[in-house]
């Protein structure tokens, strides 16, 4: 299932200037450095023993189980290049905006006499910086994916359907079935 929070993270990760560490040992050493050299904190974070973390750090274990490898990579990605991540979000929220490519079922609440049947649409458009800032602020505030979906629908309604207030006054847009979604900074 496509989630808006994950797709926003992917867009920001596109701004990284260096790739994340490839090997499990390098990833584990990075996490240990990020947690003030505490193997105990990293072990709690990943759900493994402290001794297991120490073995990865010393390259005594090289190949993690698939579920541990996924958790390890996810935790490294979340913490990788925080300043680059912050600059990319700031640029999108102040000057550049964000591109959205979405295929979803859009529902409408409109004036009487007009159609309000939901239908699948494929839209590719640029959201202005204000809308990008709103999305990033909601994500950082820890709002649920349903709320992020609602904010995205409001942004698409304003930019595409109402053309920034030039038409379709009173049209409310609802994003129901999200088929595909990509963001790009």
Foldseek 3Di string as FASTA:
>chain_A
DDFPLVQVLVQLLVQDPDDFDDWQLSLLVVVCVVVVNDLCVVCVQLVHDSVVSVCSVVVVDTDDDPVSVVSSVVVSSVVPPPVSSVVVLVCCQPPNAKKKWFWFWKAKDADPPDDRDTDTDTDIDGQHNNLSNVLVVCVVVPHDRQVSQQSVQVSCCCCPVCVVVVDRPPMRMHTDGTDDMHMHD
